[in-house]
Amino acid sequence: MNVEQNNNTNDESPLVAIKKKEIEINTQILEASRKADEKISSARQEAIKIKTKAEKNGLAEAKQLRNKEIEKAKKEAVKIEQSTDGEIEKVTKQGKKNLNKAASYTVKAIIASTKT
């Protein structure tokens, strides 16, 4: 009987052979699907890391640029203030120089307006 059983397993029917092959292929498909899911999950995690790093770097660069522009604006403000101080001095000197002329002109204008 052992010989007969051994012959039966060696001489599988085509249906049994097909079923075994089908199971083997399904197992390979499941394994490939599992590996693909792992790769997708890993890629998503890596994308999150990259996005987070990019956002962090972008914020740092924006802050650095902002600070640089603020310093530039402060320097420009100092230049303007310094040039304004010079202009104020000039105008003040000119005003003091013309104070008597302005007062005389004002008095003349007032007198002329009262005569009419």
Foldseek 3Di string as FASTA:
>chain_A
DVVVVVVPVVPDDVVVVVVVVVVVVVVVVVVVVVVVVVVVVVVVVVVVVVVVVVVVVVVVVVVVVVVVVVVVVVVVVVVVVVVVVVVVVVVVVVCVVCVVVVVVVVVVVVVVVVVD
